[in-house]
Amino acid sequence: MTKIKDVKSLLQRVEEVTKQKELDLSSGEDLSIGVMNLISIEEHLFYTSQKTKDKKYLDLLDEVRRMRTELLKEIIKDYEGEVWCISKHLLAASMRIMEVGTKELKKNNKEKAWDLFDKSYKLYSLFWGLNLGVVGTKDAKRSTKNEEEILLTNDPTTEHRSPTTNISVFSKLGALVQKAIDCCRE
């Protein structure tokens, strides 16, 4: 029952945070996808500058970087330590892994694509958990699978696993944040 209370508490924290910050998650999600693409453009401008040996691409890269930084500030309101960089890298990794997933899908490797999309979404969920302030390091505890955790993840494929299956910190946080974000959508 403790886990169910934890989920209810988490959902309540999400509701409070979105009210306090007057955060429109749908606009924030759209903006985060835009930021992902700006990060991707920065990467492409870097590689293009190196492949062509043309420094004009560095000027474009700098301009895109400034725009990305400005827009990211609209999503990441409060941060400490390395949260800014972690957030940027979570978005970048999510985008890249999603792109690899679409390539696998194109090759008709649906299982591989699904696995990559799942990982991408977990990274994206962690980004939101961190920046909504609803997930912190106190939520990051390694545990074993049990009935309450099956309720938490609501993933029908996990019901057939052994009750002693380890769940990584990463998976647990991702599952909690996915629930929280999904409940905020209209």
Protein backbone atom coordinates (compact mmCIF):
# COMPACT_ATOMS: atom_id res chain seq x y z
CA MET A 1 0.00 0.00 0.00
CA THR A 2 2.92 2.34 0.56
CA LYS A 3 3.68 2.39 -3.17
CA ILE A 4 0.08 3.36 -4.01
CA LYS A 5 0.32 6.20 -1.49
CA ASP A 6 3.61 7.25 -3.11
CA VAL A 7 1.92 7.47 -6.51
CA LYS A 8 -0.97 9.50 -5.10
CA SER A 9 1.52 11.80 -3.39
CA LEU A 10 3.51 12.16 -6.61
CA LEU A 11 0.39 13.01 -8.60
CA GLN A 12 -0.61 15.57 -5.97
CA ARG A 13 2.88 17.14 -6.18
CA VAL A 14 2.56 17.37 -9.98
CA GLU A 15 -0.79 19.10 -9.65
CA GLU A 16 0.62 21.57 -7.10
CA VAL A 17 3.70 22.31 -9.21
CA THR A 18 1.70 22.93 -12.37
CA LYS A 19 -0.61 25.30 -10.49
CA GLN A 20 2.25 27.16 -8.75
CA LYS A 21 4.26 27.62 -11.91
CA GLU A 22 1.15 28.07 -14.05
CA LEU A 23 2.73 25.53 -16.35
CA ASP A 24 0.91 24.47 -19.50
CA LEU A 25 2.34 21.00 -20.02
CA SER A 26 1.11 20.69 -23.59
CA SER A 27 2.92 23.89 -24.59
CA GLY A 28 5.92 22.80 -22.55
CA GLU A 29 5.99 19.45 -24.30
CA ASP A 30 5.81 21.15 -27.70
CA LEU A 31 8.60 23.51 -26.69
CA SER A 32 10.72 20.62 -25.39
CA ILE A 33 10.40 18.86 -28.77
CA GLY A 34 11.46 22.11 -30.44
CA VAL A 35 14.47 22.31 -28.12
CA MET A 36 15.34 18.70 -28.97
CA ASN A 37 15.44 19.66 -32.62
CA LEU A 38 17.58 22.73 -31.90
CA ILE A 39 20.07 20.49 -30.08
CA SER A 40 20.08 18.23 -33.12
CA ILE A 41 20.66 21.22 -35.42
CA GLU A 42 23.61 22.27 -33.23
CA GLU A 43 25.12 18.80 -33.67
CA HIS A 44 24.63 18.86 -37.43
CA LEU A 45 26.15 22.34 -37.71
CA PHE A 46 29.18 21.16 -35.74
CA TYR A 47 29.71 18.13 -37.97
CA THR A 48 29.11 20.16 -41.12
CA SER A 49 31.71 22.72 -40.00
CA GLN A 50 34.25 19.97 -39.48
CA LYS A 51 33.47 18.09 -42.68
CA THR A 52 33.53 21.20 -44.87
CA LYS A 53 36.19 23.06 -42.86
CA ASP A 54 33.95 26.11 -43.26
CA LYS A 55 33.82 28.30 -40.14
CA LYS A 56 30.58 30.00 -41.17
CA TYR A 57 28.75 27.00 -39.71
CA LEU A 58 30.16 27.89 -36.30
CA ASP A 59 28.39 31.26 -36.46
CA LEU A 60 25.12 29.49 -37.24
CA LEU A 61 25.78 26.99 -34.47
CA ASP A 62 26.30 29.82 -31.99
CA GLU A 63 23.07 31.50 -33.07
CA VAL A 64 21.07 28.28 -32.73
CA ARG A 65 22.70 27.58 -29.35
CA ARG A 66 21.66 31.00 -28.03
CA MET A 67 18.11 30.41 -29.21
CA ARG A 68 18.06 26.92 -27.61
CA THR A 69 19.36 28.33 -24.33
CA GLU A 70 16.73 31.06 -24.29
CA LEU A 71 13.91 28.61 -25.00
CA LEU A 72 15.17 26.04 -22.51
CA LYS A 73 14.95 28.72 -19.80
CA GLU A 74 11.20 28.78 -20.40
CA ILE A 75 10.97 25.12 -19.37
CA ILE A 76 13.75 24.82 -16.79
CA LYS A 77 12.72 27.38 -14.19
CA ASP A 78 14.63 26.24 -11.13
CA TYR A 79 17.78 24.21 -11.20
CA GLU A 80 20.72 23.42 -9.01
CA GLY A 81 24.09 21.88 -9.65
CA GLU A 82 24.16 20.05 -12.95
CA VAL A 83 20.37 19.92 -13.53
CA TRP A 84 20.58 22.32 -16.50
CA CYS A 85 23.13 20.16 -18.30
CA ILE A 86 21.44 16.93 -17.28
CA SER A 87 18.18 18.27 -18.69
CA LYS A 88 19.77 19.25 -21.99
CA HIS A 89 21.43 15.85 -22.32
CA LEU A 90 18.23 14.00 -21.41
CA LEU A 91 16.45 15.78 -24.26
CA ALA A 92 19.34 15.21 -26.67
CA ALA A 93 19.61 11.50 -25.80
CA SER A 94 15.85 11.06 -26.02
CA MET A 95 15.81 12.60 -29.50
CA ARG A 96 18.76 10.57 -30.79
CA ILE A 97 17.42 7.27 -29.45
CA MET A 98 14.01 8.06 -30.95
CA GLU A 99 15.68 8.69 -34.33
CA VAL A 100 17.49 5.34 -34.15
CA GLY A 101 14.13 3.76 -33.29
CA THR A 102 12.52 5.23 -36.40
CA LYS A 103 15.38 3.86 -38.51
CA GLU A 104 14.81 0.39 -36.99
CA LEU A 105 11.10 0.75 -37.70
CA LYS A 106 11.88 1.59 -41.32
CA LYS A 107 13.93 -1.66 -41.48
CA ASN A 108 10.83 -3.43 -40.10
CA ASN A 109 12.64 -4.28 -36.84
CA LYS A 110 9.55 -3.50 -34.77
CA GLU A 111 10.74 -5.10 -31.52
CA LYS A 112 14.05 -3.22 -31.62
CA ALA A 113 12.21 0.00 -32.52
CA TRP A 114 9.77 -0.50 -29.63
CA ASP A 115 12.64 -1.02 -27.18
CA LEU A 116 14.39 2.14 -28.41
CA PHE A 117 11.16 4.18 -28.26
CA ASP A 118 10.60 2.93 -24.71
CA LYS A 119 14.07 4.06 -23.68
CA SER A 120 13.59 7.40 -25.41
CA TYR A 121 10.32 7.99 -23.58
CA LYS A 122 11.89 7.09 -20.24
CA LEU A 123 14.59 9.70 -20.82
CA TYR A 124 11.96 12.25 -21.81
CA SER A 125 9.92 11.41 -18.72
CA LEU A 126 12.96 11.86 -16.51
CA PHE A 127 13.49 15.28 -18.05
CA TRP A 128 9.98 16.31 -17.00
CA GLY A 129 10.25 14.69 -13.59
CA LEU A 130 13.40 16.64 -12.88
CA ASN A 131 12.04 19.94 -14.17
CA LEU A 132 8.63 19.73 -12.58
CA GLY A 133 10.37 19.08 -9.29
CA VAL A 134 8.31 15.97 -8.68
CA VAL A 135 11.16 13.48 -8.84
CA GLY A 136 14.34 13.80 -6.90
CA THR A 137 17.09 11.57 -5.65
CA LYS A 138 15.00 10.47 -2.67
CA ASP A 139 12.74 8.67 -5.18
CA ALA A 140 15.72 6.79 -6.58
CA LYS A 141 15.83 3.54 -4.64
CA ARG A 142 16.58 0.15 -6.12
CA SER A 143 13.85 -2.35 -5.30
CA THR A 144 12.42 -5.65 -6.41
CA LYS A 145 9.22 -6.19 -8.35
CA ASN A 146 6.12 -6.81 -6.26
CA GLU A 147 2.36 -6.46 -6.70
CA GLU A 148 2.31 -2.80 -5.77
CA GLU A 149 5.03 -2.02 -8.25
CA ILE A 150 3.09 -3.83 -10.98
CA LEU A 151 0.23 -1.45 -10.17
CA LEU A 152 2.65 1.45 -10.41
CA THR A 153 4.00 0.63 -13.83
CA ASN A 154 0.68 -0.66 -15.19
CA ASP A 155 2.67 -2.56 -17.81
CA PRO A 156 0.94 -5.85 -18.69
CA THR A 157 4.24 -7.38 -19.81
CA THR A 158 5.67 -7.08 -16.29
CA GLU A 159 2.94 -9.13 -14.62
CA HIS A 160 4.52 -12.38 -15.79
CA ARG A 161 7.98 -11.61 -14.46
CA SER A 162 9.41 -13.12 -11.34
CA PRO A 163 8.59 -11.20 -8.13
CA THR A 164 12.32 -10.88 -7.48
CA THR A 165 13.15 -9.15 -10.78
CA ASN A 166 15.31 -6.10 -10.09
CA ILE A 167 14.06 -2.72 -11.20
CA SER A 168 16.65 -0.10 -11.92
CA VAL A 169 16.48 3.35 -10.40
CA PHE A 170 16.14 4.66 -13.92
CA SER A 171 13.14 2.48 -14.76
CA LYS A 172 11.39 3.24 -11.49
CA LEU A 173 11.74 7.00 -11.89
CA GLY A 174 10.74 6.80 -15.53
CA ALA A 175 7.59 4.85 -14.66
CA LEU A 176 6.62 7.30 -11.91
CA VAL A 177 7.12 10.33 -14.11
CA GLN A 178 5.24 8.74 -17.02
CA LYS A 179 2.24 8.26 -14.74
CA ALA A 180 2.46 11.83 -13.48
CA ILE A 181 2.77 13.43 -16.92
CA ASP A 182 0.06 11.23 -18.42
CA CYS A 183 -2.35 12.29 -15.68
CA CYS A 184 -1.72 15.98 -16.42
CA ARG A 185 -2.71 15.81 -20.07
CA GLU A 186 -6.10 17.09 -21.12
